[in-house]
Amino acid sequence: GSFNWTISADRYNFENALFLSEPAVAARYESEFERIWEQAK
């Protein structure tokens, strides 16, 4: 996700972040991001 690390953003915006510690799960998210990124070009 994207998270703007400011007090204002934390209190007033709809920010999100996802922290992963399992490499296999992170790789799946990365793969999906790359797929979507390529389609957007």
PDB file of N, CA and C in Angstrom:
ATOM      1  N   GLY A   1       0.819  -1.165   0.000  1.00  0.00           N
ATOM      2  CA  GLY A   1       0.000   0.000   0.000  1.00  0.00           C
ATOM      3  C   GLY A   1       0.867   1.233   0.000  1.00  0.00           C
ATOM      4  N   SER A   2       0.197   2.310   0.011  1.00  0.00           N
ATOM      5  CA  SER A   2       0.926   3.571   0.128  1.00  0.00           C
ATOM      6  C   SER A   2       0.468   4.258   1.399  1.00  0.00           C
ATOM      7  N   PHE A   3       1.395   4.822   2.108  1.00  0.00           N
ATOM      8  CA  PHE A   3       1.067   5.523   3.343  1.00  0.00           C
ATOM      9  C   PHE A   3       1.896   6.782   3.396  1.00  0.00           C
ATOM     10  N   ASN A   4       1.236   7.908   3.523  1.00  0.00           N
ATOM     11  CA  ASN A   4       1.906   9.189   3.671  1.00  0.00           C
ATOM     12  C   ASN A   4       2.216   9.341   5.160  1.00  0.00           C
ATOM     13  N   TRP A   5       3.484   9.281   5.545  1.00  0.00           N
ATOM     14  CA  TRP A   5       3.895   9.237   6.945  1.00  0.00           C
ATOM     15  C   TRP A   5       3.897  10.628   7.579  1.00  0.00           C
ATOM     16  N   THR A   6       2.735  11.269   7.597  1.00  0.00           N
ATOM     17  CA  THR A   6       2.592  12.548   8.279  1.00  0.00           C
ATOM     18  C   THR A   6       1.452  12.442   9.276  1.00  0.00           C
ATOM     19  N   ILE A   7       1.466  13.268  10.288  1.00  0.00           N
ATOM     20  CA  ILE A   7       0.392  13.262  11.285  1.00  0.00           C
ATOM     21  C   ILE A   7      -0.933  13.600  10.619  1.00  0.00           C
ATOM     22  N   SER A   8      -0.924  14.590   9.744  1.00  0.00           N
ATOM     23  CA  SER A   8      -2.146  14.991   9.053  1.00  0.00           C
ATOM     24  C   SER A   8      -2.732  13.835   8.250  1.00  0.00           C
ATOM     25  N   ALA A   9      -1.904  13.149   7.503  1.00  0.00           N
ATOM     26  CA  ALA A   9      -2.388  12.022   6.698  1.00  0.00           C
ATOM     27  C   ALA A   9      -2.925  10.912   7.585  1.00  0.00           C
ATOM     28  N   ASP A  10      -2.222  10.644   8.674  1.00  0.00           N
ATOM     29  CA  ASP A  10      -2.638   9.582   9.585  1.00  0.00           C
ATOM     30  C   ASP A  10      -3.994   9.884  10.216  1.00  0.00           C
ATOM     31  N   ARG A  11      -4.242  11.136  10.516  1.00  0.00           N
ATOM     32  CA  ARG A  11      -5.484  11.507  11.206  1.00  0.00           C
ATOM     33  C   ARG A  11      -6.656  11.780  10.272  1.00  0.00           C
ATOM     34  N   TYR A  12      -6.377  12.304   9.078  1.00  0.00           N
ATOM     35  CA  TYR A  12      -7.466  12.808   8.250  1.00  0.00           C
ATOM     36  C   TYR A  12      -7.632  12.122   6.895  1.00  0.00           C
ATOM     37  N   ASN A  13      -6.677  11.330   6.474  1.00  0.00           N
ATOM     38  CA  ASN A  13      -6.757  10.675   5.166  1.00  0.00           C
ATOM     39  C   ASN A  13      -7.069   9.192   5.317  1.00  0.00           C
ATOM     40  N   PHE A  14      -7.437   8.583   4.228  1.00  0.00           N
ATOM     41  CA  PHE A  14      -7.631   7.137   4.189  1.00  0.00           C
ATOM     42  C   PHE A  14      -6.353   6.514   3.632  1.00  0.00           C
ATOM     43  N   GLU A  15      -5.335   6.424   4.463  1.00  0.00           N
ATOM     44  CA  GLU A  15      -4.042   5.868   4.076  1.00  0.00           C
ATOM     45  C   GLU A  15      -4.033   4.372   4.374  1.00  0.00           C
ATOM     46  N   ASN A  16      -3.157   3.634   3.696  1.00  0.00           N
ATOM     47  CA  ASN A  16      -3.036   2.211   3.995  1.00  0.00           C
ATOM     48  C   ASN A  16      -1.596   1.766   3.831  1.00  0.00           C
ATOM     49  N   ALA A  17      -1.264   0.715   4.555  1.00  0.00           N
ATOM     50  CA  ALA A  17       0.064   0.107   4.466  1.00  0.00           C
ATOM     51  C   ALA A  17      -0.084  -1.377   4.740  1.00  0.00           C
ATOM     52  N   LEU A  18       0.774  -2.156   4.133  1.00  0.00           N
ATOM     53  CA  LEU A  18       0.761  -3.601   4.326  1.00  0.00           C
ATOM     54  C   LEU A  18       2.195  -4.038   4.590  1.00  0.00           C
ATOM     55  N   PHE A  19       2.427  -4.651   5.734  1.00  0.00           N
ATOM     56  CA  PHE A  19       3.751  -5.122   6.115  1.00  0.00           C
ATOM     57  C   PHE A  19       3.755  -6.641   6.059  1.00  0.00           C
ATOM     58  N   LEU A  20       4.661  -7.195   5.278  1.00  0.00           N
ATOM     59  CA  LEU A  20       4.736  -8.646   5.101  1.00  0.00           C
ATOM     60  C   LEU A  20       6.089  -9.155   5.580  1.00  0.00           C
ATOM     61  N   SER A  21       6.078 -10.312   6.223  1.00  0.00           N
ATOM     62  CA  SER A  21       7.338 -10.916   6.656  1.00  0.00           C
ATOM     63  C   SER A  21       7.606 -12.249   5.963  1.00  0.00           C
ATOM     64  N   GLU A  22       6.650 -12.732   5.192  1.00  0.00           N
ATOM     65  CA  GLU A  22       6.799 -14.000   4.482  1.00  0.00           C
ATOM     66  C   GLU A  22       7.211 -13.719   3.038  1.00  0.00           C
ATOM     67  N   PRO A  23       8.431 -14.076   2.641  1.00  0.00           N
ATOM     68  CA  PRO A  23       8.913 -13.768   1.289  1.00  0.00           C
ATOM     69  C   PRO A  23       8.016 -14.295   0.170  1.00  0.00           C
ATOM     70  N   ALA A  24       7.441 -15.458   0.328  1.00  0.00           N
ATOM     71  CA  ALA A  24       6.594 -16.015  -0.736  1.00  0.00           C
ATOM     72  C   ALA A  24       5.340 -15.175  -0.938  1.00  0.00           C
ATOM     73  N   VAL A  25       4.774 -14.684   0.140  1.00  0.00           N
ATOM     74  CA  VAL A  25       3.579 -13.835   0.039  1.00  0.00           C
ATOM     75  C   VAL A  25       3.962 -12.492  -0.582  1.00  0.00           C
ATOM     76  N   ALA A  26       5.068 -11.927  -0.146  1.00  0.00           N
ATOM     77  CA  ALA A  26       5.540 -10.658  -0.713  1.00  0.00           C
ATOM     78  C   ALA A  26       5.795 -10.801  -2.212  1.00  0.00           C
ATOM     79  N   ALA A  27       6.338 -11.921  -2.630  1.00  0.00           N
ATOM     80  CA  ALA A  27       6.610 -12.154  -4.053  1.00  0.00           C
ATOM     81  C   ALA A  27       5.325 -12.189  -4.863  1.00  0.00           C
ATOM     82  N   ARG A  28       4.262 -12.738  -4.303  1.00  0.00           N
ATOM     83  CA  ARG A  28       2.972 -12.765  -5.012  1.00  0.00           C
ATOM     84  C   ARG A  28       2.436 -11.346  -5.191  1.00  0.00           C
ATOM     85  N   TYR A  29       2.526 -10.528  -4.146  1.00  0.00           N
ATOM     86  CA  TYR A  29       2.086  -9.137  -4.256  1.00  0.00           C
ATOM     87  C   TYR A  29       2.938  -8.387  -5.279  1.00  0.00           C
ATOM     88  N   GLU A  30       4.238  -8.616  -5.261  1.00  0.00           N
ATOM     89  CA  GLU A  30       5.127  -7.954  -6.215  1.00  0.00           C
ATOM     90  C   GLU A  30       4.794  -8.354  -7.648  1.00  0.00           C
ATOM     91  N   SER A  31       4.544  -9.619  -7.859  1.00  0.00           N
ATOM     92  CA  SER A  31       4.196 -10.113  -9.188  1.00  0.00           C
ATOM     93  C   SER A  31       2.911  -9.468  -9.698  1.00  0.00           C
ATOM     94  N   GLU A  32       1.926  -9.373  -8.842  1.00  0.00           N
ATOM     95  CA  GLU A  32       0.654  -8.758  -9.238  1.00  0.00           C
ATOM     96  C   GLU A  32       0.842  -7.276  -9.525  1.00  0.00           C
ATOM     97  N   PHE A  33       1.640  -6.593  -8.714  1.00  0.00           N
ATOM     98  CA  PHE A  33       1.926  -5.180  -8.959  1.00  0.00           C
ATOM     99  C   PHE A  33       2.580  -4.999 -10.326  1.00  0.00           C
ATOM    100  N   GLU A  34       3.571  -5.818 -10.631  1.00  0.00           N
ATOM    101  CA  GLU A  34       4.264  -5.724 -11.916  1.00  0.00           C
ATOM    102  C   GLU A  34       3.307  -5.971 -13.080  1.00  0.00           C
ATOM    103  N   ARG A  35       2.400  -6.927 -12.931  1.00  0.00           N
ATOM    104  CA  ARG A  35       1.419  -7.218 -13.977  1.00  0.00           C
ATOM    105  C   ARG A  35       0.532  -6.000 -14.234  1.00  0.00           C
ATOM    106  N   ILE A  36       0.029  -5.402 -13.172  1.00  0.00           N
ATOM    107  CA  ILE A  36      -0.840  -4.229 -13.301  1.00  0.00           C
ATOM    108  C   ILE A  36      -0.052  -3.045 -13.861  1.00  0.00           C
ATOM    109  N   TRP A  37       1.183  -2.871 -13.396  1.00  0.00           N
ATOM    110  CA  TRP A  37       2.033  -1.768 -13.857  1.00  0.00           C
ATOM    111  C   TRP A  37       2.264  -1.854 -15.362  1.00  0.00           C
ATOM    112  N   GLU A  38       2.526  -3.048 -15.852  1.00  0.00           N
ATOM    113  CA  GLU A  38       2.754  -3.237 -17.288  1.00  0.00           C
ATOM    114  C   GLU A  38       1.499  -2.916 -18.101  1.00  0.00           C
ATOM    115  N   GLN A  39       0.341  -3.248 -17.593  1.00  0.00           N
ATOM    116  CA  GLN A  39      -0.913  -2.947 -18.295  1.00  0.00           C
ATOM    117  C   GLN A  39      -1.169  -1.446 -18.354  1.00  0.00           C
ATOM    118  N   ALA A  40      -0.689  -0.727 -17.350  1.00  0.00           N
ATOM    119  CA  ALA A  40      -0.952   0.715 -17.268  1.00  0.00           C
ATOM    120  C   ALA A  40      -0.060   1.524 -18.205  1.00  0.00           C
ATOM    121  N   LYS A  41       0.993   0.920 -18.711  1.00  0.00           N
ATOM    122  CA  LYS A  41       1.930   1.665 -19.575  1.00  0.00           C
ATOM    123  C   LYS A  41       1.328   1.959 -20.926  1.00  0.00           C
TER     124      LYS A  41
END
